[in-house]
Protein backbone atom coordinates (compact mmCIF):
# COMPACT_ATOMS: atom_id res chain seq x y z
CA MET A 1 -11.68 7.51 -26.52
CA ARG A 2 -10.45 8.68 -29.94
CA SER A 3 -8.40 11.42 -28.27
CA LEU A 4 -6.85 8.90 -25.84
CA THR A 5 -5.87 6.64 -28.72
CA LEU A 6 -4.37 9.55 -30.66
CA VAL A 7 -2.34 10.67 -27.64
CA ILE A 8 -0.91 7.18 -27.16
CA GLY A 9 -0.14 6.96 -30.86
CA VAL A 10 1.81 10.22 -30.74
CA LEU A 11 3.75 9.02 -27.70
CA MET A 12 4.64 5.74 -29.41
CA ALA A 13 5.81 7.57 -32.52
CA ALA A 14 7.95 9.91 -30.44
CA SER A 15 9.47 6.99 -28.49
CA LEU A 16 10.07 4.54 -31.31
CA GLY A 17 9.89 6.50 -34.57
CA CYS A 18 7.39 6.24 -37.43
CA GLY A 19 7.00 3.94 -40.44
CA GLY A 20 7.24 0.19 -40.95
CA GLY A 21 4.68 -2.55 -41.30
CA ASN A 22 2.39 -4.46 -38.98
CA ASN A 23 0.97 -7.92 -38.50
CA PRO A 24 -2.78 -8.57 -38.32
CA GLY A 25 -4.28 -9.80 -35.07
CA SER A 26 -7.54 -11.44 -34.09
CA GLY A 27 -10.38 -10.89 -31.64
CA PRO A 28 -13.53 -8.78 -31.53
CA ASP A 29 -11.97 -5.59 -30.21
CA SER A 30 -10.84 -2.60 -32.24
CA ASN A 31 -7.50 -1.32 -33.50
CA LYS A 32 -7.79 2.38 -34.16
CA SER A 33 -4.33 3.69 -35.01
CA GLU A 34 -1.87 3.77 -37.84
CA PRO A 35 1.13 1.42 -37.55
CA ASN A 36 4.15 2.62 -35.57
CA SER A 37 7.70 1.40 -35.94
CA ALA A 38 11.00 1.44 -34.07
CA PRO A 39 14.51 2.48 -35.11
CA ALA A 40 16.41 -0.13 -37.10
CA ARG A 41 18.27 -1.43 -34.04
CA ALA A 42 15.04 -2.11 -32.14
CA ILE A 43 12.98 -5.20 -32.93
CA THR A 44 9.52 -3.85 -32.11
CA SER A 45 9.40 -2.46 -35.63
CA GLY A 46 5.64 -2.66 -36.17
CA GLY A 47 2.83 -2.17 -33.72
CA LYS A 48 -0.73 -1.10 -33.00
CA VAL A 49 -2.42 1.02 -30.41
CA PHE A 50 -5.11 -1.49 -29.47
CA THR A 51 -8.34 -0.79 -27.59
CA SER A 52 -10.37 -3.47 -25.82
CA THR A 53 -13.81 -2.07 -25.21
CA SER A 54 -14.78 -5.33 -23.49
CA TYR A 55 -12.07 -5.00 -20.84
CA GLY A 56 -11.69 -1.23 -20.75
CA PHE A 57 -8.06 -0.58 -21.70
CA THR A 58 -5.88 0.80 -24.46
CA ALA A 59 -2.24 -0.23 -25.02
CA PHE A 60 0.48 -0.27 -27.66
CA PHE A 61 1.29 -3.82 -28.77
CA PRO A 62 4.51 -4.36 -30.74
CA TRP A 63 4.32 -6.38 -33.98
CA GLY A 64 0.65 -5.68 -34.65
CA ALA A 65 -2.77 -6.19 -33.09
CA PRO A 66 -2.81 -8.79 -30.31
CA SER A 67 -4.46 -12.17 -30.44
CA GLU A 68 -7.12 -12.78 -27.78
CA ALA A 69 -7.56 -16.03 -25.88
CA PRO A 70 -9.57 -17.05 -22.80
CA PHE A 71 -7.86 -18.15 -19.62
CA LEU A 72 -8.94 -19.32 -16.16
CA ILE A 73 -11.07 -21.84 -18.06
CA GLY A 74 -12.58 -24.44 -15.78
CA ASN A 75 -11.84 -22.50 -12.61
CA ILE A 76 -14.88 -22.33 -10.34
CA LEU A 77 -14.29 -18.98 -8.68
CA PRO A 78 -17.23 -17.11 -7.10
CA GLY A 79 -15.67 -13.73 -7.83
CA LEU A 80 -14.87 -14.31 -11.52
CA ASP A 81 -17.06 -12.80 -14.21
CA ASP A 82 -14.83 -13.06 -17.31
CA SER A 83 -11.19 -12.98 -18.38
CA ALA A 84 -9.02 -12.83 -21.50
CA TYR A 85 -5.35 -12.77 -22.45
CA PHE A 86 -4.16 -10.38 -25.19
CA SER A 87 -0.67 -10.96 -26.63
CA THR A 88 1.75 -10.46 -29.48
CA ARG A 89 5.06 -12.18 -30.10
CA LEU A 90 8.13 -11.96 -32.30
CA ARG A 91 8.21 -14.78 -34.87
CA GLU A 92 11.68 -16.20 -35.45
CA GLY A 93 11.24 -19.79 -36.58
CA ASP A 94 11.68 -22.31 -33.78
CA LYS A 95 13.57 -19.95 -31.48
CA GLN A 96 12.14 -18.81 -28.17
CA SER A 97 10.46 -15.53 -28.97
CA SER A 98 10.01 -12.32 -27.04
CA ARG A 99 6.38 -11.40 -26.41
CA PHE A 100 4.10 -8.91 -24.68
CA GLY A 101 0.76 -9.60 -23.03
CA ILE A 102 -2.10 -8.25 -20.92
CA PHE A 103 -4.20 -10.52 -18.71
CA ALA A 104 -7.54 -8.78 -18.15
CA ILE A 105 -10.02 -9.91 -15.48
CA ARG A 106 -13.53 -8.75 -14.67
CA TYR A 107 -14.88 -9.47 -11.21
CA LYS A 108 -18.51 -10.28 -10.55
CA PRO A 109 -20.51 -7.34 -9.19
CA ARG A 110 -20.73 -7.29 -5.40
CA SER A 111 -17.97 -9.87 -5.02
CA SER A 112 -16.12 -9.70 -1.71
CA ALA A 113 -12.49 -8.64 -1.31
CA GLN A 114 -11.55 -12.24 -0.51
CA GLU A 115 -13.30 -13.53 -3.65
CA ARG A 116 -11.50 -10.97 -5.79
CA GLU A 117 -8.17 -11.88 -4.23
CA GLU A 118 -8.79 -15.58 -5.01
CA VAL A 119 -9.45 -14.71 -8.64
CA PHE A 120 -6.36 -12.53 -8.85
CA GLN A 121 -4.08 -15.18 -7.37
CA ALA A 122 -5.50 -17.77 -9.78
CA ALA A 123 -4.72 -15.37 -12.64
CA MET A 124 -1.16 -14.87 -11.41
CA LEU A 125 -0.63 -18.62 -11.58
CA GLU A 126 -1.32 -18.36 -15.32
CA VAL A 127 1.75 -16.15 -15.77
CA TYR A 128 4.52 -18.46 -16.94
CA ILE A 129 7.88 -17.97 -15.24
CA PRO A 130 10.58 -20.46 -16.34
CA LYS A 131 11.87 -22.46 -13.36
CA GLU A 132 15.49 -21.53 -14.04
CA MET A 133 14.77 -17.83 -13.62
CA LYS A 134 15.41 -16.05 -10.31
CA LYS A 135 12.59 -13.76 -9.17
CA SER A 136 13.08 -10.34 -7.64
CA GLU A 137 11.09 -9.01 -4.70
CA PRO A 138 7.89 -7.17 -5.71
CA GLN A 139 8.21 -3.39 -5.88
CA ASP A 140 5.52 -0.71 -5.53
CA VAL A 141 4.97 1.20 -8.79
CA ILE A 142 2.34 3.40 -10.40
CA TRP A 143 0.77 1.94 -13.55
CA SER A 144 -1.92 3.84 -15.45
CA LYS A 145 -2.27 6.13 -12.40
CA GLN A 146 -3.02 3.10 -10.20
CA LYS A 147 -1.05 1.65 -7.31
CA ALA A 148 0.55 -1.51 -8.67
CA LYS A 149 3.18 -4.18 -8.05
CA GLU A 150 6.07 -5.15 -10.31
CA PHE A 151 8.61 -7.94 -10.20
CA SER A 152 11.02 -9.45 -12.66
CA ALA A 153 12.66 -12.83 -13.14
CA GLU A 154 15.82 -13.48 -15.12
CA VAL A 155 18.53 -15.94 -16.02
CA SER A 156 21.92 -15.38 -17.66
CA GLU A 157 22.99 -18.07 -20.09
CA SER A 158 26.51 -19.24 -20.89
CA SER A 159 26.25 -17.47 -24.23
CA GLY A 160 26.06 -14.17 -22.37
CA VAL A 161 22.38 -13.64 -23.21
CA THR A 162 20.16 -12.55 -20.32
CA LYS A 163 16.51 -13.58 -20.53
CA ARG A 164 14.02 -11.68 -18.41
CA VAL A 165 10.31 -11.60 -17.61
CA THR A 166 8.76 -8.38 -16.24
CA VAL A 167 5.34 -8.57 -14.59
CA ARG A 168 3.23 -5.61 -13.49
CA SER A 169 -0.28 -5.77 -11.97
CA PHE A 170 -3.04 -3.95 -10.15
CA THR A 171 -6.60 -4.65 -9.09
CA THR A 172 -9.70 -2.51 -8.46
CA GLU A 173 -13.14 -3.42 -7.14
CA SER A 174 -14.29 -4.32 -10.65
CA THR A 175 -11.23 -5.35 -12.68
CA ALA A 176 -7.63 -6.52 -12.55
CA TYR A 177 -4.82 -6.29 -15.10
CA ILE A 178 -1.52 -8.14 -15.35
CA GLY A 179 1.01 -6.94 -17.91
CA VAL A 180 3.90 -9.19 -18.95
CA ALA A 181 6.96 -8.65 -21.12
CA TYR A 182 9.04 -11.70 -22.05
CA ASP A 183 12.50 -10.64 -23.21
CA MET A 184 14.49 -13.52 -24.69
CA GLY A 185 17.59 -11.32 -24.93
CA GLN A 186 16.22 -9.38 -27.90
CA LEU A 187 14.54 -6.31 -26.35
CA THR A 188 15.88 -3.01 -25.10
CA PRO A 189 14.74 -1.56 -21.74
CA LYS A 190 13.13 1.30 -23.69
CA GLU A 191 10.97 -1.10 -25.70
CA ILE A 192 9.70 -2.73 -22.51
CA SER A 193 9.01 0.67 -20.91
CA VAL A 194 7.08 1.84 -23.98
CA PHE A 195 4.73 -1.14 -23.68
CA PHE A 196 3.98 -0.64 -19.99
CA ASP A 197 3.79 3.16 -20.22
CA SER A 198 1.30 2.96 -23.08
CA PHE A 199 -1.29 1.07 -21.00
CA GLN A 200 -4.25 3.28 -20.13
CA LEU A 201 -7.68 2.59 -18.67
CA GLN A 202 -10.68 3.77 -20.63
CA PRO A 203 -12.55 6.65 -18.95
CA SER A 204 -15.28 4.32 -17.64
CA GLN A 205 -12.67 2.16 -15.91
CA ALA A 206 -10.59 5.11 -14.75
CA LYS A 207 -13.58 6.33 -12.75
CA SER A 208 -13.57 3.11 -10.76
CA PRO A 209 -12.22 3.23 -7.19
CA THR A 210 -8.46 3.77 -7.09
CA GLY A 211 -6.59 0.57 -7.74
CA SER A 212 -4.64 -1.20 -5.04
CA SER A 213 -1.47 -3.20 -5.09
CA PRO A 214 -2.32 -6.90 -5.09
CA LYS A 215 -0.84 -9.11 -2.42
CA SER A 216 2.43 -10.78 -3.29
CA ARG A 217 2.40 -14.54 -3.63
């Protein structure tokens, strides 16, 4: 695991440059890297390579270690074991802020394919897409060596600013992950790519059956 974290850290440094500060996060999981920073014209100037041992993934989160919060609370779903949402956001007063997040879901052992699909679709409903944004058709992609789906939603404002949400997801027999990047007109495509490309399953999760693209909703 230490070698995986170091590799991701090197990749982040190569992509965004080194130096800069970071913001502390919360939650029981570990943050095992030195801060990384972006060039002056990029806004993801501080970040952490974060590892969730509970949910079996490692990812680079801009602006510091992510906060952790439960979701799917109150949902009675036979296939759901546990779930959490990890996120960081840019703080700019009262303005809408860009943010990055990972929804992580654990399925109950021996749950059926239908039960897992019900959990996944319930999780997708937790992904906020502003009503004014137009969604693209889902595309097949590879994410962390797994078959995945990706779609985006965007709106262009009269000011000329384009706001966009990018959503990427995959599910296995034991887990599911949904990555989201909310760009309020502040991010570069490279910054969004760095976040998604940094996501890696821990070895124990990577040995799970090959992921499959979830059904579109």
